[in-house]
Amino acid sequence: MDTKNILIVGVGGQGIIFCSKVLAAGLLKAGYDVKMSEVHGMAQRGGSVSTQIRFGKKVYSPVIAKGEADLIVSFEKMEAMRYIDYLKPNGTVLVNECTVLPAPVLSGKIPYPDGITDALKSKAKVITLNAQDLVEEVGNPKAMNTIILGTLVKLLGLEDIAWNEIIKELVPPKAVDFNCKALELGMKVS
């Protein structure tokens, strides 16, 4: 198997790191060599957060160079535009149709850009998801990231991994049920 490169992006507080850790743990259990790196940035203040996950038979570095990502998973649509240069020419972008307003927009200094999804579609194959609407079915707003993870798992064809067991290992007991439900829901929407 060739090495697969996945870039997961969003803003602080959206659960990007958690999603990446669950994905990496599942890939390891499935027997892949996995490398992961994280950039927290101003995560606590709603700043940009990204993780890079590379997996395959043998992976030597966790770093994805510009133009090498097979898949960009964006928890917030403007972050997809920020990282689009990392996508390879035939790559795919999974975009959560979520808007998180950065400080300059909130303060009125600049407007939030219009037409982000259309701009992305002019550059790449784009799959959109509205995890915010789906989270109501799960009953917990903290499950948005796990819905996105479920959709990612389906896109990668990795449904056979024991994801519920991995979630049980990585989350507190009170969060297991809604995260497992969210993962299953995410796998159904793709």
Protein backbone atom coordinates (compact mmCIF):
# COMPACT_ATOMS: atom_id res chain seq x y z
CA MET A 1 0.00 0.00 0.00
CA ASP A 2 1.21 3.46 -0.84
CA THR A 3 1.47 5.93 2.00
CA LYS A 4 -1.72 7.94 2.50
CA ASN A 5 -1.50 11.55 3.65
CA ILE A 6 -4.36 13.12 5.58
CA LEU A 7 -4.40 16.72 6.78
CA ILE A 8 -7.05 17.52 9.41
CA VAL A 9 -7.68 21.22 10.00
CA GLY A 10 -9.99 23.48 11.96
CA VAL A 11 -9.97 25.87 14.87
CA GLY A 12 -9.24 25.37 18.54
CA GLY A 13 -12.00 23.69 20.49
CA GLN A 14 -13.45 21.69 17.59
CA GLY A 15 -11.83 18.40 18.59
CA ILE A 16 -9.31 18.09 15.79
CA ILE A 17 -6.64 16.56 18.03
CA PHE A 18 -9.09 14.03 19.50
CA CYS A 19 -10.29 13.00 16.04
CA SER A 20 -6.69 12.57 14.88
CA LYS A 21 -5.73 10.49 17.91
CA VAL A 22 -8.68 8.14 17.41
CA LEU A 23 -7.87 7.79 13.71
CA ALA A 24 -4.18 7.11 14.42
CA ALA A 25 -5.04 4.54 17.12
CA GLY A 26 -7.38 2.73 14.74
CA LEU A 27 -4.83 2.68 11.95
CA LEU A 28 -2.21 1.28 14.33
CA LYS A 29 -4.60 -1.47 15.45
CA ALA A 30 -5.21 -2.32 11.81
CA GLY A 31 -1.48 -2.91 11.36
CA TYR A 32 -0.46 0.24 9.51
CA ASP A 33 2.69 2.18 10.24
CA VAL A 34 1.38 5.58 11.36
CA LYS A 35 3.04 8.93 11.92
CA MET A 36 1.19 11.96 13.26
CA SER A 37 2.13 15.54 13.97
CA GLU A 38 0.07 18.35 15.51
CA VAL A 39 0.18 22.11 15.33
CA HIS A 40 -1.87 23.73 18.07
CA GLY A 41 -1.24 27.38 17.20
CA MET A 42 -3.58 29.61 19.16
CA ALA A 43 -5.89 26.67 19.78
CA GLN A 44 -7.26 27.92 23.09
CA ARG A 45 -8.36 31.17 21.42
CA GLY A 46 -10.08 29.74 18.38
CA GLY A 47 -6.93 29.84 16.25
CA SER A 48 -5.95 27.46 13.51
CA VAL A 49 -5.21 23.84 14.46
CA SER A 50 -3.90 21.17 12.12
CA THR A 51 -2.75 17.58 12.34
CA GLN A 52 -0.95 15.56 9.74
CA ILE A 53 -1.44 11.81 9.62
CA ARG A 54 0.52 9.58 7.30
CA PHE A 55 -0.09 5.84 7.17
CA GLY A 56 0.91 2.87 5.06
CA LYS A 57 3.23 -0.13 5.05
CA LYS A 58 6.24 1.96 6.16
CA VAL A 59 6.18 5.68 6.91
CA TYR A 60 9.36 7.59 7.65
CA SER A 61 8.13 11.10 8.46
CA PRO A 62 4.96 12.64 9.90
CA VAL A 63 5.24 15.73 7.71
CA ILE A 64 3.06 16.30 4.65
CA ALA A 65 4.59 18.70 2.15
CA LYS A 66 2.52 21.12 0.09
CA GLY A 67 0.87 19.32 -2.80
CA GLU A 68 1.04 15.87 -1.15
CA ALA A 69 -2.16 15.48 0.92
CA ASP A 70 -4.53 12.84 -0.44
CA LEU A 71 -7.30 14.21 1.73
CA ILE A 72 -7.92 17.41 3.66
CA VAL A 73 -10.56 17.14 6.37
CA SER A 74 -11.73 20.58 7.39
CA PHE A 75 -13.83 21.08 10.52
CA GLU A 76 -14.36 24.75 9.49
CA LYS A 77 -14.64 25.80 5.86
CA MET A 78 -12.30 28.81 5.89
CA GLU A 79 -9.55 26.54 7.27
CA ALA A 80 -9.93 24.35 4.16
CA MET A 81 -9.01 27.37 2.04
CA ARG A 82 -6.05 28.15 4.29
CA TYR A 83 -4.57 24.68 3.68
CA ILE A 84 -5.70 23.95 0.09
CA ASP A 85 -2.10 24.24 -1.18
CA TYR A 86 -1.32 20.99 0.66
CA LEU A 87 -3.76 18.97 -1.46
CA LYS A 88 -2.39 16.89 -4.31
CA PRO A 89 -3.92 17.51 -7.75
CA ASN A 90 -6.31 14.55 -7.57
CA GLY A 91 -6.99 14.89 -3.84
CA THR A 92 -10.27 15.32 -2.01
CA VAL A 93 -11.47 17.86 0.54
CA LEU A 94 -14.06 16.85 3.15
CA VAL A 95 -15.56 20.12 4.39
CA ASN A 96 -17.78 20.53 7.40
CA GLU A 97 -20.10 23.40 6.43
CA CYS A 98 -19.33 25.16 9.68
CA THR A 99 -18.44 28.80 10.19
CA VAL A 100 -16.35 29.85 13.17
CA LEU A 101 -15.75 33.56 13.10
CA PRO A 102 -12.15 34.57 13.85
CA ALA A 103 -11.38 37.57 16.06
CA PRO A 104 -10.88 40.08 13.19
CA VAL A 105 -14.33 39.19 11.84
CA LEU A 106 -15.94 39.34 15.28
CA SER A 107 -14.40 42.75 15.91
CA GLY A 108 -15.73 44.05 12.58
CA LYS A 109 -12.28 44.67 11.07
CA ILE A 110 -12.82 42.29 8.13
CA PRO A 111 -15.81 40.38 6.72
CA TYR A 112 -16.01 36.59 6.66
CA PRO A 113 -15.44 35.60 3.01
CA ASP A 114 -18.41 34.47 0.93
CA GLY A 115 -18.33 31.59 -1.52
CA ILE A 116 -15.70 29.46 0.22
CA THR A 117 -17.24 26.12 -0.75
CA ASP A 118 -17.57 27.19 -4.39
CA ALA A 119 -13.96 28.40 -4.39
CA LEU A 120 -12.85 25.03 -3.01
CA LYS A 121 -14.87 23.19 -5.67
CA SER A 122 -13.03 25.13 -8.36
CA LYS A 123 -9.74 23.72 -7.02
CA ALA A 124 -10.56 20.16 -5.91
CA LYS A 125 -13.07 17.37 -5.48
CA VAL A 126 -15.13 18.51 -2.48
CA ILE A 127 -17.43 16.51 -0.24
CA THR A 128 -19.56 18.64 2.08
CA LEU A 129 -21.01 17.65 5.42
CA ASN A 130 -23.09 19.58 7.92
CA ALA A 131 -22.12 17.92 11.19
CA GLN A 132 -23.73 20.71 13.21
CA ASP A 133 -27.17 19.67 12.00
CA LEU A 134 -26.44 15.98 12.51
CA VAL A 135 -25.22 16.46 16.08
CA GLU A 136 -28.83 16.96 17.20
CA GLU A 137 -29.48 13.28 16.37
CA VAL A 138 -26.67 12.30 18.73
CA GLY A 139 -27.90 14.52 21.55
CA ASN A 140 -24.55 16.05 22.45
CA PRO A 141 -22.94 19.05 20.72
CA LYS A 142 -19.48 17.75 21.61
CA ALA A 143 -19.95 14.89 19.14
CA MET A 144 -19.53 16.97 15.98
CA ASN A 145 -15.89 15.91 15.64
CA THR A 146 -16.78 12.22 15.92
CA ILE A 147 -19.43 12.58 13.21
CA ILE A 148 -16.73 14.00 10.94
CA LEU A 149 -14.41 11.15 11.95
CA GLY A 150 -17.11 8.63 10.97
CA THR A 151 -17.42 10.22 7.55
CA LEU A 152 -13.64 10.15 7.17
CA VAL A 153 -13.51 6.47 8.17
CA LYS A 154 -16.10 5.67 5.49
CA LEU A 155 -14.24 7.70 2.84
CA LEU A 156 -11.05 5.80 3.61
CA GLY A 157 -12.82 2.41 3.54
CA LEU A 158 -11.78 1.63 7.11
CA GLU A 159 -15.15 0.63 8.56
CA ASP A 160 -13.90 -2.83 9.59
CA ILE A 161 -11.64 -1.45 12.35
CA ALA A 162 -13.06 -1.81 15.89
CA TRP A 163 -13.68 1.93 16.27
CA ASN A 164 -16.05 1.58 19.23
CA GLU A 165 -13.34 -0.23 21.18
CA ILE A 166 -10.85 2.52 20.39
CA ILE A 167 -13.32 5.19 21.50
CA LYS A 168 -13.86 3.27 24.77
CA GLU A 169 -10.11 3.35 25.35
CA LEU A 170 -9.73 7.08 24.63
CA VAL A 171 -12.74 8.84 26.15
CA PRO A 172 -14.18 9.01 29.66
CA PRO A 173 -16.96 6.45 30.31
CA LYS A 174 -19.70 9.12 30.23
CA ALA A 175 -18.68 10.09 26.68
CA VAL A 176 -18.50 6.60 25.16
CA ASP A 177 -22.15 6.17 24.12
CA PHE A 178 -22.62 9.48 22.34
CA ASN A 179 -19.24 9.23 20.61
CA CYS A 180 -19.99 5.71 19.34
CA LYS A 181 -23.40 6.87 18.12
CA ALA A 182 -21.80 9.90 16.41
CA LEU A 183 -19.18 7.73 14.68
CA GLU A 184 -21.88 5.41 13.34
CA LEU A 185 -23.95 8.36 12.13
CA GLY A 186 -20.92 9.86 10.37
CA MET A 187 -20.27 6.59 8.56
CA LYS A 188 -23.87 6.57 7.27
CA VAL A 189 -23.86 10.06 5.79
CA SER A 190 -20.93 9.62 3.43
